């Protein structure tokens, strides 16, 4: 998906939001945020501050999951005195497992904010194109969160909704050339896909419509019309640049 679809803007339209910025991509958005997180300790310190302090914020946004993963990888590498996550913890993928444990710790802290402070949780992420094999449909390319498979699996299991933001496109053929062109004004109508398929990883536990507009009000309406959980939802939004 092309750059600038509006992942951070969507989060900024949620009620009283504050960002944990691990990427440094919020320069054009007027929003409350912690200083740019450069280590995993700074991410956890921000979460601890939100849990312990009195504050007016009702939504916490982690921006982005893949930027946080880079911090977690750096943490694991530092712990083992190596320069590559592949070499950490003796290799054989063990470094990725330890990084995924840091994700579990972060999700635990976010759950505490959700349950104790009543905060809505949003995690935004870029997407990558990956090869996926379906026994019934064969092999195809699809968008998935730009995370290592171990962390990605934990994220998808923990989340109440994994939503894929994109633009509505149409395919046009001109002789031997095939082009994707946007549908709608400007760069195209922006939408959210709520269910996965051959094109993307997505899911939700709210019985949401398959597609909704890329707008916070539309997300809230879709959840409200369903049988939502008692606690405020954790809503990672997977998007690509």
C-alpha atoms as a PDB file:
ATOM      1  CA  UNK A   1       0.000   0.000   0.000  1.00  0.00           C
ATOM      2  CA  UNK A   2       1.255   3.464  -0.878  1.00  0.00           C
ATOM      3  CA  UNK A   3       2.644   5.970   1.599  1.00  0.00           C
ATOM      4  CA  UNK A   4       0.392   8.343   3.485  1.00  0.00           C
ATOM      5  CA  UNK A   5      -2.872   6.418   3.659  1.00  0.00           C
ATOM      6  CA  UNK A   6      -3.607   7.964   7.077  1.00  0.00           C
ATOM      7  CA  UNK A   7      -2.773   5.447   9.784  1.00  0.00           C
ATOM      8  CA  UNK A   8      -1.585   7.965  12.391  1.00  0.00           C
ATOM      9  CA  UNK A   9      -4.319  10.473  11.520  1.00  0.00           C
ATOM     10  CA  UNK A  10      -6.922   7.777  12.177  1.00  0.00           C
ATOM     11  CA  UNK A  11      -5.500   7.236  15.656  1.00  0.00           C
ATOM     12  CA  UNK A  12      -5.308  10.969  16.305  1.00  0.00           C
ATOM     13  CA  UNK A  13      -9.062  11.207  15.738  1.00  0.00           C
ATOM     14  CA  UNK A  14      -9.741   8.760  18.568  1.00  0.00           C
ATOM     15  CA  UNK A  15     -10.863  10.187  21.950  1.00  0.00           C
ATOM     16  CA  UNK A  16      -8.144  12.190  23.785  1.00  0.00           C
ATOM     17  CA  UNK A  17      -5.191  10.341  22.214  1.00  0.00           C
ATOM     18  CA  UNK A  18      -1.538  10.211  23.194  1.00  0.00           C
ATOM     19  CA  UNK A  19       1.167   8.571  21.070  1.00  0.00           C
ATOM     20  CA  UNK A  20       4.159   6.459  21.966  1.00  0.00           C
ATOM     21  CA  UNK A  21       6.288   7.476  19.004  1.00  0.00           C
ATOM     22  CA  UNK A  22       8.989   4.974  18.070  1.00  0.00           C
ATOM     23  CA  UNK A  23       9.318   6.055  14.459  1.00  0.00           C
ATOM     24  CA  UNK A  24       9.513   9.838  14.342  1.00  0.00           C
ATOM     25  CA  UNK A  25       6.815  10.171  11.695  1.00  0.00           C
ATOM     26  CA  UNK A  26       4.409  12.468  13.546  1.00  0.00           C
ATOM     27  CA  UNK A  27       5.939  15.791  12.555  1.00  0.00           C
ATOM     28  CA  UNK A  28       2.943  16.864  10.475  1.00  0.00           C
ATOM     29  CA  UNK A  29       0.339  15.872  13.069  1.00  0.00           C
ATOM     30  CA  UNK A  30      -0.699  18.081  15.977  1.00  0.00           C
ATOM     31  CA  UNK A  31      -0.935  15.498  18.730  1.00  0.00           C
ATOM     32  CA  UNK A  32       0.032  14.654  22.304  1.00  0.00           C
ATOM     33  CA  UNK A  33       3.018  12.340  22.362  1.00  0.00           C
ATOM     34  CA  UNK A  34       5.921  11.146  24.429  1.00  0.00           C
ATOM     35  CA  UNK A  35       9.439  12.043  23.260  1.00  0.00           C
ATOM     36  CA  UNK A  36      10.693   9.809  20.468  1.00  0.00           C
ATOM     37  CA  UNK A  37      11.455   6.395  21.990  1.00  0.00           C
ATOM     38  CA  UNK A  38      14.983   5.290  21.145  1.00  0.00           C
ATOM     39  CA  UNK A  39      15.140   2.226  23.397  1.00  0.00           C
ATOM     40  CA  UNK A  40      12.730  -0.412  24.625  1.00  0.00           C
ATOM     41  CA  UNK A  41      13.163   0.934  28.161  1.00  0.00           C
ATOM     42  CA  UNK A  42      11.703   4.268  27.012  1.00  0.00           C
ATOM     43  CA  UNK A  43       8.674   2.476  25.555  1.00  0.00           C
ATOM     44  CA  UNK A  44       8.010   0.661  28.824  1.00  0.00           C
ATOM     45  CA  UNK A  45       8.659   3.825  30.858  1.00  0.00           C
ATOM     46  CA  UNK A  46       5.966   5.664  28.881  1.00  0.00           C
ATOM     47  CA  UNK A  47       3.491   2.843  29.465  1.00  0.00           C
ATOM     48  CA  UNK A  48       4.301   2.780  33.180  1.00  0.00           C
ATOM     49  CA  UNK A  49       3.805   6.551  33.435  1.00  0.00           C
ATOM     50  CA  UNK A  50       0.374   6.324  31.832  1.00  0.00           C
ATOM     51  CA  UNK A  51      -0.575   3.573  34.261  1.00  0.00           C
ATOM     52  CA  UNK A  52       0.596   5.319  37.421  1.00  0.00           C
ATOM     53  CA  UNK A  53      -0.234   8.975  36.738  1.00  0.00           C
ATOM     54  CA  UNK A  54      -3.515  10.856  36.634  1.00  0.00           C
ATOM     55  CA  UNK A  55      -4.032  12.130  33.088  1.00  0.00           C
ATOM     56  CA  UNK A  56      -6.808  13.124  30.667  1.00  0.00           C
ATOM     57  CA  UNK A  57      -5.902  10.649  27.908  1.00  0.00           C
ATOM     58  CA  UNK A  58      -8.423   8.039  26.803  1.00  0.00           C
ATOM     59  CA  UNK A  59      -6.549   6.459  23.896  1.00  0.00           C
ATOM     60  CA  UNK A  60      -2.988   5.132  23.655  1.00  0.00           C
ATOM     61  CA  UNK A  61      -1.454   4.734  20.191  1.00  0.00           C
ATOM     62  CA  UNK A  62       1.782   2.824  19.576  1.00  0.00           C
ATOM     63  CA  UNK A  63       3.361   4.160  16.380  1.00  0.00           C
ATOM     64  CA  UNK A  64       4.531   1.811  14.933  1.00  0.00           C
ATOM     65  CA  UNK A  65       4.744  -1.894  15.798  1.00  0.00           C
ATOM     66  CA  UNK A  66       7.614  -2.462  13.368  1.00  0.00           C
ATOM     67  CA  UNK A  67       9.565   0.486  14.793  1.00  0.00           C
ATOM     68  CA  UNK A  68       9.068  -0.929  18.305  1.00  0.00           C
ATOM     69  CA  UNK A  69      10.245  -4.323  17.057  1.00  0.00           C
ATOM     70  CA  UNK A  70      13.518  -2.734  15.915  1.00  0.00           C
ATOM     71  CA  UNK A  71      13.988  -1.385  19.451  1.00  0.00           C
ATOM     72  CA  UNK A  72      13.264  -4.818  20.901  1.00  0.00           C
ATOM     73  CA  UNK A  73      15.771  -6.407  18.535  1.00  0.00           C
ATOM     74  CA  UNK A  74      18.380  -3.859  19.595  1.00  0.00           C
ATOM     75  CA  UNK A  75      17.629  -4.654  23.249  1.00  0.00           C
ATOM     76  CA  UNK A  76      18.130  -8.377  22.685  1.00  0.00           C
ATOM     77  CA  UNK A  77      21.335  -7.798  20.696  1.00  0.00           C
ATOM     78  CA  UNK A  78      22.741  -5.585  23.448  1.00  0.00           C
ATOM     79  CA  UNK A  79      21.917  -8.226  26.048  1.00  0.00           C
ATOM     80  CA  UNK A  80      24.002 -10.808  24.204  1.00  0.00           C
ATOM     81  CA  UNK A  81      26.720  -8.471  22.937  1.00  0.00           C
ATOM     82  CA  UNK A  82      26.054  -9.168  19.257  1.00  0.00           C
ATOM     83  CA  UNK A  83      25.191  -6.972  16.278  1.00  0.00           C
ATOM     84  CA  UNK A  84      22.457  -9.114  14.729  1.00  0.00           C
ATOM     85  CA  UNK A  85      19.213 -10.565  16.054  1.00  0.00           C
ATOM     86  CA  UNK A  86      20.084 -13.707  14.089  1.00  0.00           C
ATOM     87  CA  UNK A  87      23.125 -14.226  16.345  1.00  0.00           C
ATOM     88  CA  UNK A  88      21.344 -13.478  19.627  1.00  0.00           C
ATOM     89  CA  UNK A  89      20.745 -16.136  22.280  1.00  0.00           C
ATOM     90  CA  UNK A  90      22.868 -18.646  20.393  1.00  0.00           C
ATOM     91  CA  UNK A  91      21.129 -18.236  17.017  1.00  0.00           C
ATOM     92  CA  UNK A  92      18.595 -20.620  15.461  1.00  0.00           C
ATOM     93  CA  UNK A  93      15.819 -18.000  15.772  1.00  0.00           C
ATOM     94  CA  UNK A  94      16.101 -17.742  19.558  1.00  0.00           C
ATOM     95  CA  UNK A  95      16.674 -13.991  19.364  1.00  0.00           C
ATOM     96  CA  UNK A  96      13.303 -13.534  17.669  1.00  0.00           C
ATOM     97  CA  UNK A  97      11.657 -15.526  20.442  1.00  0.00           C
ATOM     98  CA  UNK A  98      13.166 -13.249  23.091  1.00  0.00           C
ATOM     99  CA  UNK A  99      12.031 -10.198  21.123  1.00  0.00           C
ATOM    100  CA  UNK A 100       8.528 -11.660  20.973  1.00  0.00           C
ATOM    101  CA  UNK A 101       8.616 -11.978  24.770  1.00  0.00           C
ATOM    102  CA  UNK A 102       9.124  -8.205  24.934  1.00  0.00           C
ATOM    103  CA  UNK A 103       6.023  -7.821  22.779  1.00  0.00           C
ATOM    104  CA  UNK A 104       4.117  -9.962  25.279  1.00  0.00           C
ATOM    105  CA  UNK A 105       5.359  -7.711  28.064  1.00  0.00           C
ATOM    106  CA  UNK A 106       4.183  -4.641  26.120  1.00  0.00           C
ATOM    107  CA  UNK A 107       0.784  -6.198  25.474  1.00  0.00           C
ATOM    108  CA  UNK A 108       0.466  -6.894  29.195  1.00  0.00           C
ATOM    109  CA  UNK A 109       1.128  -3.224  29.952  1.00  0.00           C
ATOM    110  CA  UNK A 110      -1.397  -2.158  27.303  1.00  0.00           C
ATOM    111  CA  UNK A 111      -3.982  -4.542  28.761  1.00  0.00           C
ATOM    112  CA  UNK A 112      -3.452  -2.895  32.157  1.00  0.00           C
ATOM    113  CA  UNK A 113      -4.172   0.523  30.643  1.00  0.00           C
ATOM    114  CA  UNK A 114      -7.258  -0.871  28.962  1.00  0.00           C
ATOM    115  CA  UNK A 115      -8.657  -2.507  32.099  1.00  0.00           C
ATOM    116  CA  UNK A 116      -7.469  -0.117  34.837  1.00  0.00           C
ATOM    117  CA  UNK A 117      -7.625   3.219  32.998  1.00  0.00           C
ATOM    118  CA  UNK A 118     -10.361   2.430  30.484  1.00  0.00           C
ATOM    119  CA  UNK A 119      -8.113   3.412  27.587  1.00  0.00           C
ATOM    120  CA  UNK A 120      -8.643   2.397  23.987  1.00  0.00           C
ATOM    121  CA  UNK A 121      -5.496   0.765  22.566  1.00  0.00           C
ATOM    122  CA  UNK A 122      -4.398   1.260  18.965  1.00  0.00           C
ATOM    123  CA  UNK A 123      -1.241  -0.140  17.428  1.00  0.00           C
ATOM    124  CA  UNK A 124      -0.409   1.048  13.931  1.00  0.00           C
ATOM    125  CA  UNK A 125       1.978  -0.818  11.675  1.00  0.00           C
ATOM    126  CA  UNK A 126       3.372  -0.783   8.197  1.00  0.00           C
ATOM    127  CA  UNK A 127       2.748  -3.784   5.988  1.00  0.00           C
ATOM    128  CA  UNK A 128       4.909  -6.003   3.861  1.00  0.00           C
ATOM    129  CA  UNK A 129       4.110  -8.237   0.912  1.00  0.00           C
ATOM    130  CA  UNK A 130       4.634 -11.885   1.799  1.00  0.00           C
ATOM    131  CA  UNK A 131       4.199 -15.199   0.041  1.00  0.00           C
ATOM    132  CA  UNK A 132       1.306 -17.174   1.471  1.00  0.00           C
ATOM    133  CA  UNK A 133       0.196 -20.710   0.651  1.00  0.00           C
ATOM    134  CA  UNK A 134      -3.427 -21.728   1.000  1.00  0.00           C
ATOM    135  CA  UNK A 135      -4.089 -25.459   0.455  1.00  0.00           C
ATOM    136  CA  UNK A 136      -7.329 -24.595  -1.332  1.00  0.00           C
ATOM    137  CA  UNK A 137      -6.279 -21.487  -3.288  1.00  0.00           C
ATOM    138  CA  UNK A 138      -2.562 -22.115  -3.850  1.00  0.00           C
ATOM    139  CA  UNK A 139       0.282 -19.614  -3.409  1.00  0.00           C
ATOM    140  CA  UNK A 140      -0.223 -15.867  -3.656  1.00  0.00           C
ATOM    141  CA  UNK A 141       1.141 -12.552  -2.381  1.00  0.00           C
ATOM    142  CA  UNK A 142      -0.648 -10.747   0.418  1.00  0.00           C
ATOM    143  CA  UNK A 143      -0.098  -7.825   2.801  1.00  0.00           C
ATOM    144  CA  UNK A 144       0.735  -8.629   6.422  1.00  0.00           C
ATOM    145  CA  UNK A 145       2.131  -6.597   9.351  1.00  0.00           C
ATOM    146  CA  UNK A 146       5.816  -5.849   8.813  1.00  0.00           C
ATOM    147  CA  UNK A 147       6.960  -7.993  11.726  1.00  0.00           C
ATOM    148  CA  UNK A 148       8.853 -11.231  12.195  1.00  0.00           C
ATOM    149  CA  UNK A 149       6.439 -14.154  12.011  1.00  0.00           C
ATOM    150  CA  UNK A 150       6.756 -14.945  15.730  1.00  0.00           C
ATOM    151  CA  UNK A 151       5.852 -11.412  16.836  1.00  0.00           C
ATOM    152  CA  UNK A 152       3.189 -11.175  14.144  1.00  0.00           C
ATOM    153  CA  UNK A 153       1.456 -14.325  15.379  1.00  0.00           C
ATOM    154  CA  UNK A 154       1.374 -12.998  18.941  1.00  0.00           C
ATOM    155  CA  UNK A 155       0.028  -9.632  17.769  1.00  0.00           C
ATOM    156  CA  UNK A 156      -2.774 -11.232  15.754  1.00  0.00           C
ATOM    157  CA  UNK A 157      -3.794 -13.540  18.601  1.00  0.00           C
ATOM    158  CA  UNK A 158      -3.805 -10.734  21.186  1.00  0.00           C
ATOM    159  CA  UNK A 159      -5.734  -8.251  19.073  1.00  0.00           C
ATOM    160  CA  UNK A 160      -9.486  -7.849  19.015  1.00  0.00           C
ATOM    161  CA  UNK A 161      -9.170  -6.471  15.492  1.00  0.00           C
ATOM    162  CA  UNK A 162      -6.438  -6.387  12.875  1.00  0.00           C
ATOM    163  CA  UNK A 163      -7.573  -3.842  10.301  1.00  0.00           C
ATOM    164  CA  UNK A 164      -5.988  -3.189   6.918  1.00  0.00           C
ATOM    165  CA  UNK A 165      -6.196   0.366   5.572  1.00  0.00           C
ATOM    166  CA  UNK A 166      -5.899   0.938   1.853  1.00  0.00           C
ATOM    167  CA  UNK A 167      -7.318   2.817  -1.111  1.00  0.00           C
ATOM    168  CA  UNK A 168     -10.071   1.480  -3.325  1.00  0.00           C
ATOM    169  CA  UNK A 169      -8.481   0.644  -6.674  1.00  0.00           C
ATOM    170  CA  UNK A 170      -9.483  -0.686 -10.076  1.00  0.00           C
ATOM    171  CA  UNK A 171      -7.370  -2.567 -12.610  1.00  0.00           C
ATOM    172  CA  UNK A 172      -7.117  -1.181 -16.115  1.00  0.00           C
ATOM    173  CA  UNK A 173      -5.471  -2.911 -19.068  1.00  0.00           C
ATOM    174  CA  UNK A 174      -4.043  -1.058 -22.034  1.00  0.00           C
ATOM    175  CA  UNK A 175      -2.586  -3.587 -24.439  1.00  0.00           C
ATOM    176  CA  UNK A 176       0.184  -5.401 -22.596  1.00  0.00           C
ATOM    177  CA  UNK A 177       0.176  -2.915 -19.707  1.00  0.00           C
ATOM    178  CA  UNK A 178      -1.796  -3.373 -16.505  1.00  0.00           C
ATOM    179  CA  UNK A 179      -2.249  -0.463 -14.117  1.00  0.00           C
ATOM    180  CA  UNK A 180      -3.977  -0.016 -10.775  1.00  0.00           C
ATOM    181  CA  UNK A 181      -5.854   3.273 -10.617  1.00  0.00           C
ATOM    182  CA  UNK A 182      -7.639   4.809  -7.627  1.00  0.00           C
ATOM    183  CA  UNK A 183     -11.412   4.967  -7.398  1.00  0.00           C
ATOM    184  CA  UNK A 184     -12.751   8.216  -5.971  1.00  0.00           C
ATOM    185  CA  UNK A 185     -11.541  11.780  -5.655  1.00  0.00           C
ATOM    186  CA  UNK A 186      -7.877  12.656  -5.351  1.00  0.00           C
ATOM    187  CA  UNK A 187      -5.709   9.645  -4.584  1.00  0.00           C
ATOM    188  CA  UNK A 188      -8.748   7.429  -4.143  1.00  0.00           C
ATOM    189  CA  UNK A 189     -11.348   6.507  -1.536  1.00  0.00           C
ATOM    190  CA  UNK A 190      -9.664   5.338   1.672  1.00  0.00           C
ATOM    191  CA  UNK A 191     -11.137   2.230   3.255  1.00  0.00           C
ATOM    192  CA  UNK A 192     -10.492  -0.337   5.973  1.00  0.00           C
ATOM    193  CA  UNK A 193     -10.724  -4.061   5.326  1.00  0.00           C
ATOM    194  CA  UNK A 194     -11.826  -5.933   8.434  1.00  0.00           C
ATOM    195  CA  UNK A 195     -11.563  -9.525   7.217  1.00  0.00           C
ATOM    196  CA  UNK A 196      -8.557 -11.278   5.743  1.00  0.00           C
ATOM    197  CA  UNK A 197      -8.295 -12.991   2.402  1.00  0.00           C
ATOM    198  CA  UNK A 198      -5.902 -13.443  -0.510  1.00  0.00           C
ATOM    199  CA  UNK A 199      -5.013  -9.728  -0.466  1.00  0.00           C
ATOM    200  CA  UNK A 200      -4.264  -9.041   3.203  1.00  0.00           C
ATOM    201  CA  UNK A 201      -4.131 -10.217   6.799  1.00  0.00           C
ATOM    202  CA  UNK A 202      -7.128  -8.898   8.745  1.00  0.00           C
ATOM    203  CA  UNK A 203      -9.637 -10.101  11.329  1.00  0.00           C
ATOM    204  CA  UNK A 204     -12.070  -8.812  13.916  1.00  0.00           C
ATOM    205  CA  UNK A 205     -14.090 -10.164  16.826  1.00  0.00           C
ATOM    206  CA  UNK A 206     -16.945  -7.681  16.366  1.00  0.00           C
ATOM    207  CA  UNK A 207     -18.779  -8.970  13.294  1.00  0.00           C
ATOM    208  CA  UNK A 208     -17.893  -5.756  11.473  1.00  0.00           C
ATOM    209  CA  UNK A 209     -18.773  -5.164   7.817  1.00  0.00           C
ATOM    210  CA  UNK A 210     -16.106  -6.453   5.443  1.00  0.00           C
ATOM    211  CA  UNK A 211     -15.205  -2.891   4.395  1.00  0.00           C
ATOM    212  CA  UNK A 212     -15.742   0.426   6.161  1.00  0.00           C
ATOM    213  CA  UNK A 213     -14.524   3.977   5.483  1.00  0.00           C
ATOM    214  CA  UNK A 214     -11.108   4.932   6.863  1.00  0.00           C
ATOM    215  CA  UNK A 215     -12.510   7.112   9.644  1.00  0.00           C
ATOM    216  CA  UNK A 216     -12.620   6.786  13.411  1.00  0.00           C
ATOM    217  CA  UNK A 217     -16.382   7.373  13.528  1.00  0.00           C
ATOM    218  CA  UNK A 218     -16.863   4.519  11.061  1.00  0.00           C
ATOM    219  CA  UNK A 219     -14.772   2.168  13.230  1.00  0.00           C
ATOM    220  CA  UNK A 220     -16.769   3.099  16.338  1.00  0.00           C
ATOM    221  CA  UNK A 221     -20.096   2.670  14.546  1.00  0.00           C
ATOM    222  CA  UNK A 222     -19.102  -0.751  13.234  1.00  0.00           C
ATOM    223  CA  UNK A 223     -18.064  -1.919  16.721  1.00  0.00           C
ATOM    224  CA  UNK A 224     -21.092  -0.384  18.443  1.00  0.00           C
ATOM    225  CA  UNK A 225     -23.470  -2.259  16.148  1.00  0.00           C
ATOM    226  CA  UNK A 226     -21.849  -5.537  17.161  1.00  0.00           C
ATOM    227  CA  UNK A 227     -21.702  -7.403  20.438  1.00  0.00           C
ATOM    228  CA  UNK A 228     -18.547  -5.687  21.685  1.00  0.00           C
ATOM    229  CA  UNK A 229     -16.413  -6.917  24.633  1.00  0.00           C
ATOM    230  CA  UNK A 230     -16.956  -5.290  28.032  1.00  0.00           C
ATOM    231  CA  UNK A 231     -13.447  -3.799  28.100  1.00  0.00           C
ATOM    232  CA  UNK A 232     -12.433  -1.096  25.590  1.00  0.00           C
ATOM    233  CA  UNK A 233     -11.021  -2.727  22.481  1.00  0.00           C
ATOM    234  CA  UNK A 234      -7.396  -3.202  21.597  1.00  0.00           C
ATOM    235  CA  UNK A 235      -7.387  -2.298  17.925  1.00  0.00           C
ATOM    236  CA  UNK A 236      -4.155  -2.726  16.013  1.00  0.00           C
ATOM    237  CA  UNK A 237      -4.368  -1.234  12.547  1.00  0.00           C
ATOM    238  CA  UNK A 238      -2.046  -2.787   9.992  1.00  0.00           C
ATOM    239  CA  UNK A 239      -1.045  -0.418   7.239  1.00  0.00           C
ATOM    240  CA  UNK A 240       1.795  -0.066   4.811  1.00  0.00           C
ATOM    241  CA  UNK A 241       3.929   2.679   3.435  1.00  0.00           C
END
